[in-house]
PDB file of N, CA and C in Angstrom:
ATOM      1  N   MET A   1       0.844  -1.174   0.000  1.00  0.00           N
ATOM      2  CA  MET A   1       0.000   0.000   0.000  1.00  0.00           C
ATOM      3  C   MET A   1       0.887   1.233   0.000  1.00  0.00           C
ATOM      4  N   LEU A   2       0.508   2.198  -0.781  1.00  0.00           N
ATOM      5  CA  LEU A   2       1.250   3.448  -0.853  1.00  0.00           C
ATOM      6  C   LEU A   2       0.684   4.458   0.133  1.00  0.00           C
ATOM      7  N   VAL A   3       1.516   5.382   0.541  1.00  0.00           N
ATOM      8  CA  VAL A   3       1.111   6.391   1.512  1.00  0.00           C
ATOM      9  C   VAL A   3      -0.133   7.130   1.034  1.00  0.00           C
ATOM     10  N   GLN A   4      -0.182   7.494  -0.229  1.00  0.00           N
ATOM     11  CA  GLN A   4      -1.317   8.261  -0.735  1.00  0.00           C
ATOM     12  C   GLN A   4      -2.621   7.456  -0.734  1.00  0.00           C
ATOM     13  N   ASP A   5      -2.533   6.142  -0.538  1.00  0.00           N
ATOM     14  CA  ASP A   5      -3.727   5.306  -0.489  1.00  0.00           C
ATOM     15  C   ASP A   5      -4.322   5.191   0.914  1.00  0.00           C
ATOM     16  N   LEU A   6      -3.614   5.684   1.903  1.00  0.00           N
ATOM     17  CA  LEU A   6      -4.107   5.612   3.282  1.00  0.00           C
ATOM     18  C   LEU A   6      -5.215   6.639   3.510  1.00  0.00           C
ATOM     19  N   PRO A   7      -6.149   6.331   4.402  1.00  0.00           N
ATOM     20  CA  PRO A   7      -7.213   7.292   4.720  1.00  0.00           C
ATOM     21  C   PRO A   7      -6.672   8.375   5.657  1.00  0.00           C
ATOM     22  N   MET A   8      -6.266   9.488   5.118  1.00  0.00           N
ATOM     23  CA  MET A   8      -5.604  10.540   5.887  1.00  0.00           C
ATOM     24  C   MET A   8      -6.484  11.142   6.970  1.00  0.00           C
ATOM     25  N   ASP A   9      -7.792  10.960   6.865  1.00  0.00           N
ATOM     26  CA  ASP A   9      -8.710  11.543   7.845  1.00  0.00           C
ATOM     27  C   ASP A   9      -8.984  10.625   9.037  1.00  0.00           C
ATOM     28  N   LYS A  10      -8.495   9.379   8.984  1.00  0.00           N
ATOM     29  CA  LYS A  10      -8.726   8.433  10.081  1.00  0.00           C
ATOM     30  C   LYS A  10      -7.581   8.483  11.080  1.00  0.00           C
ATOM     31  N   LYS A  11      -7.914   8.161  12.329  1.00  0.00           N
ATOM     32  CA  LYS A  11      -6.887   8.043  13.355  1.00  0.00           C
ATOM     33  C   LYS A  11      -6.126   6.744  13.149  1.00  0.00           C
ATOM     34  N   ALA A  12      -4.854   6.737  13.512  1.00  0.00           N
ATOM     35  CA  ALA A  12      -4.015   5.554  13.319  1.00  0.00           C
ATOM     36  C   ALA A  12      -4.625   4.333  14.006  1.00  0.00           C
ATOM     37  N   LEU A  13      -5.041   4.488  15.257  1.00  0.00           N
ATOM     38  CA  LEU A  13      -5.623   3.369  15.992  1.00  0.00           C
ATOM     39  C   LEU A  13      -6.914   2.890  15.339  1.00  0.00           C
ATOM     40  N   GLU A  14      -7.733   3.803  14.916  1.00  0.00           N
ATOM     41  CA  GLU A  14      -8.996   3.466  14.258  1.00  0.00           C
ATOM     42  C   GLU A  14      -8.741   2.622  13.006  1.00  0.00           C
ATOM     43  N   TYR A  15      -7.764   3.038  12.217  1.00  0.00           N
ATOM     44  CA  TYR A  15      -7.452   2.329  10.978  1.00  0.00           C
ATOM     45  C   TYR A  15      -6.884   0.938  11.256  1.00  0.00           C
ATOM     46  N   VAL A  16      -5.975   0.850  12.213  1.00  0.00           N
ATOM     47  CA  VAL A  16      -5.375  -0.446  12.558  1.00  0.00           C
ATOM     48  C   VAL A  16      -6.452  -1.413  13.049  1.00  0.00           C
ATOM     49  N   LEU A  17      -7.327  -0.941  13.918  1.00  0.00           N
ATOM     50  CA  LEU A  17      -8.387  -1.809  14.435  1.00  0.00           C
ATOM     51  C   LEU A  17      -9.343  -2.241  13.331  1.00  0.00           C
ATOM     52  N   GLU A  18      -9.679  -1.318  12.452  1.00  0.00           N
ATOM     53  CA  GLU A  18     -10.570  -1.645  11.338  1.00  0.00           C
ATOM     54  C   GLU A  18      -9.981  -2.767  10.482  1.00  0.00           C
ATOM     55  N   LYS A  19      -8.721  -2.655  10.159  1.00  0.00           N
ATOM     56  CA  LYS A  19      -8.059  -3.667   9.323  1.00  0.00           C
ATOM     57  C   LYS A  19      -7.881  -4.985  10.080  1.00  0.00           C
ATOM     58  N   ALA A  20      -7.492  -4.922  11.343  1.00  0.00           N
ATOM     59  CA  ALA A  20      -7.255  -6.137  12.133  1.00  0.00           C
ATOM     60  C   ALA A  20      -8.551  -6.898  12.384  1.00  0.00           C
ATOM     61  N   ARG A  21      -9.635  -6.177  12.572  1.00  0.00           N
ATOM     62  CA  ARG A  21     -10.908  -6.824  12.899  1.00  0.00           C
ATOM     63  C   ARG A  21     -11.559  -7.508  11.712  1.00  0.00           C
ATOM     64  N   VAL A  22     -11.010  -7.315  10.531  1.00  0.00           N
ATOM     65  CA  VAL A  22     -11.484  -8.069   9.367  1.00  0.00           C
ATOM     66  C   VAL A  22     -11.185  -9.548   9.586  1.00  0.00           C
ATOM     67  N   ASP A  23     -10.028  -9.825  10.181  1.00  0.00           N
ATOM     68  CA  ASP A  23      -9.611 -11.206  10.444  1.00  0.00           C
ATOM     69  C   ASP A  23     -10.020 -11.718  11.813  1.00  0.00           C
ATOM     70  N   ASP A  24     -10.135 -10.812  12.789  1.00  0.00           N
ATOM     71  CA  ASP A  24     -10.463 -11.220  14.159  1.00  0.00           C
ATOM     72  C   ASP A  24     -11.280 -10.119  14.829  1.00  0.00           C
ATOM     73  N   VAL A  25     -12.577 -10.330  14.944  1.00  0.00           N
ATOM     74  CA  VAL A  25     -13.462  -9.301  15.501  1.00  0.00           C
ATOM     75  C   VAL A  25     -13.224  -9.066  16.992  1.00  0.00           C
ATOM     76  N   ASN A  26     -12.444  -9.921  17.620  1.00  0.00           N
ATOM     77  CA  ASN A  26     -12.185  -9.805  19.047  1.00  0.00           C
ATOM     78  C   ASN A  26     -10.940  -8.994  19.390  1.00  0.00           C
ATOM     79  N   ILE A  27     -10.284  -8.419  18.401  1.00  0.00           N
ATOM     80  CA  ILE A  27      -9.103  -7.587  18.654  1.00  0.00           C
ATOM     81  C   ILE A  27      -9.523  -6.406  19.523  1.00  0.00           C
ATOM     82  N   THR A  28      -8.796  -6.187  20.604  1.00  0.00           N
ATOM     83  CA  THR A  28      -9.136  -5.104  21.520  1.00  0.00           C
ATOM     84  C   THR A  28      -8.375  -3.829  21.170  1.00  0.00           C
ATOM     85  N   GLN A  29      -8.862  -2.736  21.721  1.00  0.00           N
ATOM     86  CA  GLN A  29      -8.189  -1.462  21.534  1.00  0.00           C
ATOM     87  C   GLN A  29      -6.770  -1.525  22.116  1.00  0.00           C
ATOM     88  N   GLU A  30      -6.618  -2.210  23.229  1.00  0.00           N
ATOM     89  CA  GLU A  30      -5.299  -2.365  23.843  1.00  0.00           C
ATOM     90  C   GLU A  30      -4.339  -3.097  22.901  1.00  0.00           C
ATOM     91  N   GLN A  31      -4.819  -4.140  22.237  1.00  0.00           N
ATOM     92  CA  GLN A  31      -3.972  -4.869  21.290  1.00  0.00           C
ATOM     93  C   GLN A  31      -3.583  -3.978  20.111  1.00  0.00           C
ATOM     94  N   GLY A  32      -4.513  -3.164  19.665  1.00  0.00           N
ATOM     95  CA  GLY A  32      -4.208  -2.222  18.591  1.00  0.00           C
ATOM     96  C   GLY A  32      -3.159  -1.223  19.007  1.00  0.00           C
ATOM     97  N   ARG A  33      -3.273  -0.721  20.237  1.00  0.00           N
ATOM     98  CA  ARG A  33      -2.283   0.219  20.757  1.00  0.00           C
ATOM     99  C   ARG A  33      -0.915  -0.441  20.911  1.00  0.00           C
ATOM    100  N   GLN A  34      -0.901  -1.695  21.344  1.00  0.00           N
ATOM    101  CA  GLN A  34       0.367  -2.422  21.472  1.00  0.00           C
ATOM    102  C   GLN A  34       1.031  -2.578  20.108  1.00  0.00           C
ATOM    103  N   SER A  35       0.250  -2.878  19.099  1.00  0.00           N
ATOM    104  CA  SER A  35       0.797  -3.022  17.742  1.00  0.00           C
ATOM    105  C   SER A  35       1.385  -1.706  17.255  1.00  0.00           C
ATOM    106  N   LEU A  36       0.659  -0.627  17.464  1.00  0.00           N
ATOM    107  CA  LEU A  36       1.175   0.678  17.058  1.00  0.00           C
ATOM    108  C   LEU A  36       2.409   1.054  17.872  1.00  0.00           C
ATOM    109  N   GLY A  37       2.394   0.743  19.159  1.00  0.00           N
ATOM    110  CA  GLY A  37       3.546   1.030  20.008  1.00  0.00           C
ATOM    111  C   GLY A  37       4.794   0.297  19.548  1.00  0.00           C
ATOM    112  N   ALA A  38       4.621  -0.931  19.081  1.00  0.00           N
ATOM    113  CA  ALA A  38       5.756  -1.704  18.570  1.00  0.00           C
ATOM    114  C   ALA A  38       6.351  -1.055  17.324  1.00  0.00           C
ATOM    115  N   LEU A  39       5.539  -0.247  16.647  1.00  0.00           N
ATOM    116  CA  LEU A  39       6.012   0.448  15.448  1.00  0.00           C
ATOM    117  C   LEU A  39       6.479   1.868  15.757  1.00  0.00           C
ATOM    118  N   GLY A  40       6.495   2.200  17.056  1.00  0.00           N
ATOM    119  CA  GLY A  40       6.973   3.516  17.455  1.00  0.00           C
ATOM    120  C   GLY A  40       5.887   4.570  17.559  1.00  0.00           C
ATOM    121  N   LEU A  41       4.636   4.176  17.421  1.00  0.00           N
ATOM    122  CA  LEU A  41       3.526   5.131  17.526  1.00  0.00           C
ATOM    123  C   LEU A  41       2.790   4.880  18.837  1.00  0.00           C
ATOM    124  N   SER A  42       3.249   5.499  19.890  1.00  0.00           N
ATOM    125  CA  SER A  42       2.647   5.269  21.197  1.00  0.00           C
ATOM    126  C   SER A  42       1.993   6.543  21.714  1.00  0.00           C
ATOM    127  N   GLY A  43       1.252   6.387  22.786  1.00  0.00           N
ATOM    128  CA  GLY A  43       0.609   7.532  23.428  1.00  0.00           C
ATOM    129  C   GLY A  43      -0.315   8.276  22.490  1.00  0.00           C
ATOM    130  N   GLU A  44      -0.173   9.584  22.468  1.00  0.00           N
ATOM    131  CA  GLU A  44      -1.036  10.442  21.654  1.00  0.00           C
ATOM    132  C   GLU A  44      -0.882  10.191  20.156  1.00  0.00           C
ATOM    133  N   MET A  45       0.282   9.707  19.747  1.00  0.00           N
ATOM    134  CA  MET A  45       0.487   9.450  18.314  1.00  0.00           C
ATOM    135  C   MET A  45      -0.490   8.402  17.796  1.00  0.00           C
ATOM    136  N   ALA A  46      -0.884   7.453  18.638  1.00  0.00           N
ATOM    137  CA  ALA A  46      -1.824   6.417  18.222  1.00  0.00           C
ATOM    138  C   ALA A  46      -3.199   6.998  17.936  1.00  0.00           C
ATOM    139  N   LEU A  47      -3.485   8.152  18.534  1.00  0.00           N
ATOM    140  CA  LEU A  47      -4.787   8.784  18.362  1.00  0.00           C
ATOM    141  C   LEU A  47      -4.780   9.910  17.332  1.00  0.00           C
ATOM    142  N   ALA A  48      -3.614  10.161  16.746  1.00  0.00           N
ATOM    143  CA  ALA A  48      -3.500  11.209  15.739  1.00  0.00           C
ATOM    144  C   ALA A  48      -4.034  10.715  14.393  1.00  0.00           C
ATOM    145  N   ARG A  49      -4.508  11.648  13.615  1.00  0.00           N
ATOM    146  CA  ARG A  49      -4.964  11.312  12.264  1.00  0.00           C
ATOM    147  C   ARG A  49      -3.750  10.965  11.405  1.00  0.00           C
ATOM    148  N   ILE A  50      -3.911   9.993  10.544  1.00  0.00           N
ATOM    149  CA  ILE A  50      -2.805   9.521   9.705  1.00  0.00           C
ATOM    150  C   ILE A  50      -2.207  10.670   8.901  1.00  0.00           C
ATOM    151  N   GLY A  51      -3.028  11.581   8.446  1.00  0.00           N
ATOM    152  CA  GLY A  51      -2.553  12.711   7.657  1.00  0.00           C
ATOM    153  C   GLY A  51      -1.645  13.658   8.414  1.00  0.00           C
ATOM    154  N   MET A  52      -1.587  13.529   9.746  1.00  0.00           N
ATOM    155  CA  MET A  52      -0.743  14.397  10.563  1.00  0.00           C
ATOM    156  C   MET A  52       0.697  13.900  10.653  1.00  0.00           C
ATOM    157  N   PHE A  53       0.947  12.655  10.236  1.00  0.00           N
ATOM    158  CA  PHE A  53       2.297  12.101  10.319  1.00  0.00           C
ATOM    159  C   PHE A  53       3.131  12.557   9.126  1.00  0.00           C
ATOM    160  N   PRO A  54       4.400  12.816   9.382  1.00  0.00           N
ATOM    161  CA  PRO A  54       5.287  13.062   8.233  1.00  0.00           C
ATOM    162  C   PRO A  54       5.319  11.806   7.363  1.00  0.00           C
ATOM    163  N   ASN A  55       5.468  11.960   6.080  1.00  0.00           N
ATOM    164  CA  ASN A  55       5.473  10.805   5.170  1.00  0.00           C
ATOM    165  C   ASN A  55       6.464   9.731   5.570  1.00  0.00           C
ATOM    166  N   CYS A  56       7.624  10.125   6.077  1.00  0.00           N
ATOM    167  CA  CYS A  56       8.628   9.121   6.436  1.00  0.00           C
ATOM    168  C   CYS A  56       8.131   8.229   7.578  1.00  0.00           C
ATOM    169  N   THR A  57       7.402   8.795   8.518  1.00  0.00           N
ATOM    170  CA  THR A  57       6.853   7.993   9.626  1.00  0.00           C
ATOM    171  C   THR A  57       5.829   7.021   9.097  1.00  0.00           C
ATOM    172  N   THR A  58       4.926   7.508   8.255  1.00  0.00           N
ATOM    173  CA  THR A  58       3.872   6.667   7.715  1.00  0.00           C
ATOM    174  C   THR A  58       4.449   5.531   6.896  1.00  0.00           C
ATOM    175  N   VAL A  59       5.437   5.825   6.082  1.00  0.00           N
ATOM    176  CA  VAL A  59       6.046   4.788   5.256  1.00  0.00           C
ATOM    177  C   VAL A  59       6.733   3.744   6.120  1.00  0.00           C
ATOM    178  N   SER A  60       7.436   4.167   7.166  1.00  0.00           N
ATOM    179  CA  SER A  60       8.140   3.192   7.998  1.00  0.00           C
ATOM    180  C   SER A  60       7.147   2.287   8.729  1.00  0.00           C
ATOM    181  N   VAL A  61       6.000   2.812   9.119  1.00  0.00           N
ATOM    182  CA  VAL A  61       4.977   1.994   9.788  1.00  0.00           C
ATOM    183  C   VAL A  61       4.406   0.975   8.821  1.00  0.00           C
ATOM    184  N   LEU A  62       4.191   1.360   7.599  1.00  0.00           N
ATOM    185  CA  LEU A  62       3.583   0.461   6.620  1.00  0.00           C
ATOM    186  C   LEU A  62       4.470  -0.721   6.279  1.00  0.00           C
ATOM    187  N   TYR A  63       5.753  -0.508   6.272  1.00  0.00           N
ATOM    188  CA  TYR A  63       6.640  -1.563   5.800  1.00  0.00           C
ATOM    189  C   TYR A  63       7.319  -2.340   6.899  1.00  0.00           C
ATOM    190  N   GLN A  64       6.885  -2.190   8.145  1.00  0.00           N
ATOM    191  CA  GLN A  64       7.475  -2.974   9.229  1.00  0.00           C
ATOM    192  C   GLN A  64       6.654  -4.214   9.479  1.00  0.00           C
TER     193      GLN A  64
END
């Protein structure tokens, strides 16, 4: 997926949970936060809109 294909208006946590719950509807918000934290997006960054991240951050998250 390319950066320009991401939903820039969605929060990072919201997007991760949406995608993860396609495979497992029982994924919790805590698990989503842990996944983002492992990629370096912790705390308030997990609640930021994807469009607020510099492109380099977004790209590094996508390819990890």
